[in-house]
């Protein structure tokens, strides 16, 4: 295995929920069916813009409510850009006023997934965002999501019909702009609209961010070891499929192992809230993403390292930490989801984690 083409990237997710957080409260009860609604951005500047834009004043989708006006959506997107400029300025040692939108764009799209989806993307705030739903029924997970410009996402969540939001703030790439209005994407939009309307009033609830390093199995090697049918969970929510590495090698999309460090949450329901840790500073989460049965070599490694099933969800743990019903633990925790995903919290440096599992 080797680090995939995305390398190390910052991922920021923004979960939507009711004021009393009924969605996540139901989720941690482990019902037969559960769902979560979230927006996601890749890259630190893009994540800053996403959270700032949705947090720039009350944003609630409610029955009979009016969607954001064009001016309101664009003003929020501009607020997101300003926050990103400040973040980029601090990173680069510049005065925020000296940071241009081009500089922010280059930093925001430094993650290949962001750049691949929005090369030259003409967003008011300069960034693409992904809005999706994660559904779990009888142990099987289904994920569906859309790529929108930041102001389009703001307007869509607030109640503007998807087609109108895409037409008003289209993706600059003409191919992607046309694809956004394809029958398949419109169907996903209908699913998202129905899900949002099941949980009114709905608004930003929790931000989750982490640094991720993903490892992939080279396609040639995976062909020898992998077996089993394709996972009914469908497309992965981590972005477009892996592009080739610089040496031209490809990775099997049916098996990825990721390590998440600096896992933090932001309670959007509290004024002047700050980012807080979900796990200890020297810990990280290992997650195995498999579209079928694990290959024998991986089963042997997991057995040897005693990695067993347990329960862990980022939003669920953040919710409990924010409510004061949980605390950051120590030691090793594990999780394996029924769709074939496992997680383990490791202590120590990344190199030690990889050496422990025999990667490289």
Protein backbone atom coordinates (compact mmCIF):
# COMPACT_ATOMS: atom_id res chain seq x y z
CA UNK A 1 0.00 0.00 0.00
CA UNK A 2 1.05 3.62 -0.51
CA UNK A 3 -0.27 7.13 0.14
CA UNK A 4 -2.83 7.88 -2.57
CA UNK A 5 -2.79 10.82 -4.98
CA UNK A 6 -4.55 13.14 -2.52
CA UNK A 7 -1.80 12.90 0.08
CA UNK A 8 -2.55 14.81 3.28
CA UNK A 9 -5.60 17.08 3.18
CA UNK A 10 -7.80 19.12 5.50
CA UNK A 11 -11.47 18.09 5.44
CA UNK A 12 -14.24 20.20 6.98
CA UNK A 13 -17.82 18.97 7.33
CA UNK A 14 -20.80 21.01 8.49
CA UNK A 15 -23.75 18.99 9.80
CA UNK A 16 -27.31 20.27 9.60
CA UNK A 17 -29.80 19.51 12.36
CA UNK A 18 -32.83 20.82 14.23
CA UNK A 19 -32.37 23.32 17.09
CA UNK A 20 -32.64 20.46 19.63
CA UNK A 21 -30.40 18.23 17.47
CA UNK A 22 -33.05 15.60 16.91
CA UNK A 23 -31.18 14.03 13.98
CA UNK A 24 -28.01 13.16 15.87
CA UNK A 25 -29.94 12.29 19.05
CA UNK A 26 -31.89 9.72 17.05
CA UNK A 27 -28.74 8.48 15.32
CA UNK A 28 -26.89 7.57 18.52
CA UNK A 29 -29.90 5.50 19.61
CA UNK A 30 -29.00 3.12 16.72
CA UNK A 31 -32.45 2.90 15.08
CA UNK A 32 -33.23 0.63 12.12
CA UNK A 33 -33.04 3.67 9.82
CA UNK A 34 -31.06 6.84 10.36
CA UNK A 35 -29.74 9.68 8.24
CA UNK A 36 -27.41 12.68 8.42
CA UNK A 37 -27.18 15.81 6.29
CA UNK A 38 -23.83 17.49 5.81
CA UNK A 39 -21.86 19.91 3.69
CA UNK A 40 -18.17 19.31 3.03
CA UNK A 41 -15.19 21.30 1.77
CA UNK A 42 -11.62 20.25 1.03
CA UNK A 43 -8.65 22.39 2.05
CA UNK A 44 -8.28 24.62 5.11
CA UNK A 45 -9.29 27.86 3.39
CA UNK A 46 -12.33 26.26 1.77
CA UNK A 47 -13.39 24.80 5.12
CA UNK A 48 -13.00 28.18 6.80
CA UNK A 49 -15.16 29.80 4.12
CA UNK A 50 -17.85 27.11 4.41
CA UNK A 51 -18.22 27.45 8.17
CA UNK A 52 -18.03 31.26 8.10
CA UNK A 53 -20.61 31.60 5.31
CA UNK A 54 -23.17 29.36 7.00
CA UNK A 55 -22.45 30.94 10.37
CA UNK A 56 -22.84 34.56 9.20
CA UNK A 57 -26.12 35.14 11.00
CA UNK A 58 -29.15 32.86 11.44
CA UNK A 59 -29.76 30.44 8.57
CA UNK A 60 -32.82 28.27 9.08
CA UNK A 61 -34.86 26.22 6.63
CA UNK A 62 -38.42 26.14 7.94
CA UNK A 63 -41.92 25.40 6.75
CA UNK A 64 -43.31 28.39 4.87
CA UNK A 65 -40.04 30.28 5.23
CA UNK A 66 -38.46 32.30 2.44
CA UNK A 67 -35.09 31.29 0.97
CA UNK A 68 -32.15 33.66 1.08
CA UNK A 69 -32.29 36.44 -1.48
CA UNK A 70 -29.53 36.71 -4.08
CA UNK A 71 -27.99 39.57 -2.12
CA UNK A 72 -28.08 37.61 1.16
CA UNK A 73 -26.52 34.48 -0.36
CA UNK A 74 -23.77 36.50 -2.02
CA UNK A 75 -23.12 38.51 1.14
CA UNK A 76 -22.70 35.30 3.13
CA UNK A 77 -20.37 33.88 0.48
CA UNK A 78 -18.36 37.11 0.62
CA UNK A 79 -18.15 36.78 4.41
CA UNK A 80 -16.79 33.28 3.90
CA UNK A 81 -14.19 34.60 1.48
CA UNK A 82 -13.15 37.30 3.94
CA UNK A 83 -12.68 34.70 6.67
CA UNK A 84 -10.66 32.55 4.27
CA UNK A 85 -8.52 35.55 3.33
CA UNK A 86 -7.76 36.15 6.99
CA UNK A 87 -6.88 32.47 7.48
CA UNK A 88 -4.64 32.42 4.41
CA UNK A 89 -3.02 35.68 5.48
CA UNK A 90 -2.14 34.22 8.86
CA UNK A 91 -0.73 31.08 7.24
CA UNK A 92 1.35 33.08 4.77
CA UNK A 93 2.38 35.76 7.25
CA UNK A 94 0.52 38.42 5.25
CA UNK A 95 -1.86 41.18 6.18
CA UNK A 96 -5.39 39.87 5.32
CA UNK A 97 -6.09 42.91 3.15
CA UNK A 98 -3.11 42.00 0.96
CA UNK A 99 -4.44 38.51 0.24
CA UNK A 100 -6.23 38.45 -3.11
CA UNK A 101 -8.99 36.07 -4.16
CA UNK A 102 -6.50 34.35 -6.48
CA UNK A 103 -4.26 33.56 -3.52
CA UNK A 104 -7.21 32.19 -1.56
CA UNK A 105 -8.32 30.16 -4.59
CA UNK A 106 -4.86 28.61 -4.98
CA UNK A 107 -4.74 27.61 -1.32
CA UNK A 108 -8.33 26.39 -1.28
CA UNK A 109 -7.84 24.18 -4.33
CA UNK A 110 -4.46 22.82 -3.25
CA UNK A 111 -6.26 19.60 -2.37
CA UNK A 112 -6.57 17.67 -5.67
CA UNK A 113 -10.22 16.83 -4.98
CA UNK A 114 -11.16 20.49 -4.76
CA UNK A 115 -9.18 21.39 -7.86
CA UNK A 116 -10.49 18.43 -9.82
CA UNK A 117 -14.06 19.47 -9.20
CA UNK A 118 -13.70 23.21 -9.66
CA UNK A 119 -10.69 24.15 -11.69
CA UNK A 120 -11.27 27.83 -12.37
CA UNK A 121 -14.57 27.61 -10.49
CA UNK A 122 -16.33 30.98 -10.52
CA UNK A 123 -17.74 30.99 -7.00
CA UNK A 124 -18.50 34.24 -5.27
CA UNK A 125 -16.33 32.94 -2.42
CA UNK A 126 -14.09 30.93 -4.73
CA UNK A 127 -14.78 27.42 -3.41
CA UNK A 128 -16.78 24.30 -4.28
CA UNK A 129 -18.81 22.61 -1.57
CA UNK A 130 -20.45 19.21 -1.49
CA UNK A 131 -23.89 18.68 0.03
CA UNK A 132 -24.97 15.14 0.73
CA UNK A 133 -26.99 12.69 2.75
CA UNK A 134 -25.76 9.58 4.50
CA UNK A 135 -28.50 7.00 5.09
CA UNK A 136 -28.23 3.72 6.95
CA UNK A 137 -30.98 1.10 6.78
CA UNK A 138 -30.66 -2.43 8.16
CA UNK A 139 -26.92 -2.08 8.35
CA UNK A 140 -26.40 -0.91 4.77
CA UNK A 141 -25.12 2.62 4.16
CA UNK A 142 -26.13 4.73 1.15
CA UNK A 143 -24.45 8.03 0.32
CA UNK A 144 -25.56 10.63 -2.21
CA UNK A 145 -24.18 14.10 -2.76
CA UNK A 146 -24.02 17.12 -5.06
CA UNK A 147 -21.29 19.63 -5.92
CA UNK A 148 -22.42 23.27 -5.79
CA UNK A 149 -20.92 26.71 -5.61
CA UNK A 150 -20.92 28.21 -2.13
CA UNK A 151 -23.75 30.74 -2.70
CA UNK A 152 -25.79 28.06 -4.48
CA UNK A 153 -25.40 25.77 -1.48
CA UNK A 154 -26.46 28.56 0.87
CA UNK A 155 -29.55 29.32 -1.19
CA UNK A 156 -30.47 25.65 -1.71
CA UNK A 157 -30.27 24.82 1.99
CA UNK A 158 -32.36 27.89 2.85
CA UNK A 159 -35.17 26.77 0.53
CA UNK A 160 -34.42 27.87 -3.04
CA UNK A 161 -35.14 25.06 -5.55
CA UNK A 162 -31.99 23.25 -6.65
CA UNK A 163 -32.37 24.06 -10.35
CA UNK A 164 -32.76 27.76 -9.62
CA UNK A 165 -29.71 27.78 -7.34
CA UNK A 166 -27.57 26.06 -9.98
CA UNK A 167 -28.78 28.40 -12.72
CA UNK A 168 -28.12 31.50 -10.62
CA UNK A 169 -24.64 30.46 -9.42
CA UNK A 170 -23.39 27.79 -11.85
CA UNK A 171 -20.10 25.99 -11.75
CA UNK A 172 -17.75 27.69 -14.20
CA UNK A 173 -16.71 24.45 -15.89
CA UNK A 174 -19.43 24.02 -18.58
CA UNK A 175 -19.25 20.23 -18.41
CA UNK A 176 -19.79 20.23 -14.65
CA UNK A 177 -22.50 22.88 -14.94
CA UNK A 178 -24.44 20.70 -17.39
CA UNK A 179 -23.86 17.58 -15.29
CA UNK A 180 -25.23 19.39 -12.22
CA UNK A 181 -28.62 19.57 -13.94
CA UNK A 182 -28.63 15.99 -15.23
CA UNK A 183 -31.52 13.68 -14.26
CA UNK A 184 -29.28 11.82 -11.81
CA UNK A 185 -28.25 15.01 -9.98
CA UNK A 186 -31.82 16.31 -9.96
CA UNK A 187 -32.91 13.04 -8.34
CA UNK A 188 -30.28 13.45 -5.63
CA UNK A 189 -31.50 17.02 -5.10
CA UNK A 190 -35.05 15.72 -4.62
CA UNK A 191 -33.78 13.26 -1.99
CA UNK A 192 -31.94 16.04 -0.19
CA UNK A 193 -34.97 18.33 -0.29
CA UNK A 194 -37.19 15.58 1.12
CA UNK A 195 -34.70 14.84 3.88
CA UNK A 196 -34.36 18.50 4.83
CA UNK A 197 -38.13 18.91 4.94
CA UNK A 198 -38.43 15.94 7.31
CA UNK A 199 -36.41 17.83 9.92
CA UNK A 200 -37.78 21.37 10.02
CA UNK A 201 -36.66 23.80 11.25
CA UNK A 202 -33.16 22.94 10.05
CA UNK A 203 -29.86 24.81 10.30
CA UNK A 204 -26.10 24.46 10.89
CA UNK A 205 -25.44 22.38 14.00
CA UNK A 206 -21.86 21.14 14.21
CA UNK A 207 -18.61 21.61 12.33
CA UNK A 208 -16.17 18.70 12.18
CA UNK A 209 -12.65 19.02 10.79
CA UNK A 210 -9.60 16.79 10.53
CA UNK A 211 -6.33 16.23 8.67
CA UNK A 212 -6.53 13.06 6.58
CA UNK A 213 -3.89 10.85 5.01
CA UNK A 214 -5.28 8.11 2.78
CA UNK A 215 -3.52 4.91 1.78
CA UNK A 216 -4.55 2.89 -1.24
CA UNK A 217 -3.84 -0.56 -2.58
CA UNK A 218 -2.20 -0.48 -5.97
CA UNK A 219 -4.61 -1.83 -8.56
CA UNK A 220 -2.26 -4.56 -9.77
CA UNK A 221 -1.80 -5.90 -6.26
CA UNK A 222 -5.46 -5.60 -5.34
CA UNK A 223 -6.51 -7.65 -8.34
CA UNK A 224 -4.68 -10.61 -6.82
CA UNK A 225 -6.01 -10.25 -3.28
CA UNK A 226 -9.49 -8.70 -3.52
CA UNK A 227 -12.69 -10.61 -3.99
CA UNK A 228 -16.40 -10.21 -3.44
CA UNK A 229 -19.27 -8.16 -4.90
CA UNK A 230 -19.39 -4.40 -5.08
CA UNK A 231 -20.71 -2.72 -1.95
CA UNK A 232 -24.36 -1.63 -2.32
CA UNK A 233 -23.46 1.54 -0.44
CA UNK A 234 -22.58 3.06 -3.80
CA UNK A 235 -20.09 5.84 -4.41
CA UNK A 236 -17.81 6.89 -1.61
CA UNK A 237 -18.30 10.32 -0.10
CA UNK A 238 -14.65 11.22 0.05
CA UNK A 239 -14.53 12.88 -3.37
CA UNK A 240 -13.84 11.89 -6.97
CA UNK A 241 -12.03 8.63 -7.66
CA UNK A 242 -8.30 8.62 -7.13
CA UNK A 243 -6.27 9.99 -10.05
CA UNK A 244 -2.99 8.28 -10.97
CA UNK A 245 0.12 9.02 -8.91
CA UNK A 246 3.03 10.85 -10.48
CA UNK A 247 4.61 7.50 -11.35
CA UNK A 248 1.47 6.55 -13.29
CA UNK A 249 0.25 3.89 -10.85
CA UNK A 250 -3.45 3.52 -10.10
CA UNK A 251 -5.23 2.59 -6.87
CA UNK A 252 -8.07 0.17 -6.32
CA UNK A 253 -11.12 2.31 -5.35
CA UNK A 254 -12.60 -0.62 -3.43
CA UNK A 255 -10.04 -0.52 -0.61
CA UNK A 256 -8.69 2.57 1.17
CA UNK A 257 -7.26 3.06 4.65
CA UNK A 258 -7.31 6.56 6.09
CA UNK A 259 -5.81 8.18 9.17
CA UNK A 260 -7.54 11.25 10.61
CA UNK A 261 -5.54 13.52 12.92
CA UNK A 262 -6.42 16.85 14.58
CA UNK A 263 -10.06 15.78 14.79
CA UNK A 264 -12.00 18.77 16.17
CA UNK A 265 -15.57 20.02 16.47
CA UNK A 266 -17.24 23.44 16.49
CA UNK A 267 -20.58 23.82 18.27
CA UNK A 268 -22.55 26.06 15.89
CA UNK A 269 -25.34 26.47 18.45
CA UNK A 270 -23.14 28.43 20.86
CA UNK A 271 -22.08 32.03 20.45
CA UNK A 272 -18.34 32.62 20.14
CA UNK A 273 -17.65 28.88 20.22
CA UNK A 274 -14.16 27.67 19.38
CA UNK A 275 -12.84 24.47 17.84
CA UNK A 276 -12.35 21.74 20.44
CA UNK A 277 -10.71 18.31 20.19
CA UNK A 278 -12.72 15.11 19.81
CA UNK A 279 -9.72 12.85 20.42
CA UNK A 280 -6.44 13.40 22.25
CA UNK A 281 -3.70 15.35 20.40
CA UNK A 282 -1.47 12.30 19.91
CA UNK A 283 -4.28 10.07 18.68
CA UNK A 284 -5.74 9.53 15.24
CA UNK A 285 -8.59 7.55 13.73
CA UNK A 286 -7.89 4.75 11.31
CA UNK A 287 -10.74 3.90 8.98
CA UNK A 288 -10.89 1.05 6.49
CA UNK A 289 -13.14 1.68 3.50
CA UNK A 290 -13.90 -1.58 1.75
CA UNK A 291 -16.42 -2.30 -1.01
CA UNK A 292 -16.49 -6.00 -0.18
CA UNK A 293 -14.86 -8.65 2.02
CA UNK A 294 -11.44 -7.73 3.32
CA UNK A 295 -8.51 -9.42 1.53
CA UNK A 296 -6.90 -12.22 3.57
CA UNK A 297 -3.72 -10.26 4.30
CA UNK A 298 -5.73 -7.44 5.86
CA UNK A 299 -7.82 -9.83 7.94
CA UNK A 300 -4.61 -11.34 9.29
CA UNK A 301 -3.21 -7.90 10.21
CA UNK A 302 -6.41 -6.83 11.97
CA UNK A 303 -6.55 -10.10 13.88
CA UNK A 304 -2.90 -9.88 14.89
CA UNK A 305 -3.36 -6.30 16.14
CA UNK A 306 -6.64 -7.18 17.89
CA UNK A 307 -8.71 -4.58 16.07
CA UNK A 308 -12.31 -5.45 16.94
CA UNK A 309 -15.75 -3.86 16.42
CA UNK A 310 -16.79 -0.86 18.52
CA UNK A 311 -18.93 2.25 18.07
CA UNK A 312 -17.55 5.64 17.03
CA UNK A 313 -19.12 8.48 15.02
CA UNK A 314 -17.54 11.89 14.62
CA UNK A 315 -20.78 13.89 14.85
CA UNK A 316 -22.19 11.66 17.58
CA UNK A 317 -19.08 12.01 19.74
CA UNK A 318 -18.93 15.77 19.14
CA UNK A 319 -22.60 16.05 20.15
CA UNK A 320 -21.96 14.19 23.40
CA UNK A 321 -18.84 16.23 24.15
CA UNK A 322 -20.74 19.47 23.53
CA UNK A 323 -23.56 18.29 25.78
CA UNK A 324 -21.13 17.30 28.53
CA UNK A 325 -22.23 13.64 28.47
CA UNK A 326 -18.86 12.35 27.25
CA UNK A 327 -15.17 13.17 27.54
CA UNK A 328 -12.05 12.58 25.48
CA UNK A 329 -10.84 9.08 26.24
CA UNK A 330 -7.43 7.51 26.29
CA UNK A 331 -6.09 4.30 24.85
CA UNK A 332 -7.25 2.38 21.80
CA UNK A 333 -10.84 2.32 20.56
CA UNK A 334 -12.13 0.51 17.49
CA UNK A 335 -15.13 0.50 15.22
CA UNK A 336 -16.28 -1.63 12.32
CA UNK A 337 -19.48 -0.61 10.53
CA UNK A 338 -21.73 -3.18 8.91
CA UNK A 339 -20.91 -1.96 5.41
CA UNK A 340 -17.33 -3.07 5.92
CA UNK A 341 -15.64 -0.05 7.47
CA UNK A 342 -13.46 -0.10 10.54
CA UNK A 343 -11.83 2.54 12.67
CA UNK A 344 -9.17 2.45 15.31
CA UNK A 345 -7.84 5.27 17.45
CA UNK A 346 -4.05 5.06 17.62
CA UNK A 347 -1.66 6.84 19.92
CA UNK A 348 1.71 7.96 18.59
CA UNK A 349 3.17 9.35 15.39
CA UNK A 350 1.90 8.50 11.92
CA UNK A 351 5.08 6.56 11.07
CA UNK A 352 4.55 4.38 14.12
CA UNK A 353 0.95 3.66 13.13
CA UNK A 354 1.97 2.62 9.63
CA UNK A 355 4.84 0.50 10.91
CA UNK A 356 2.44 -1.18 13.31
CA UNK A 357 0.26 -2.27 10.41
CA UNK A 358 3.14 -3.18 8.14
CA UNK A 359 2.38 -0.62 5.41
CA UNK A 360 4.83 0.94 3.05
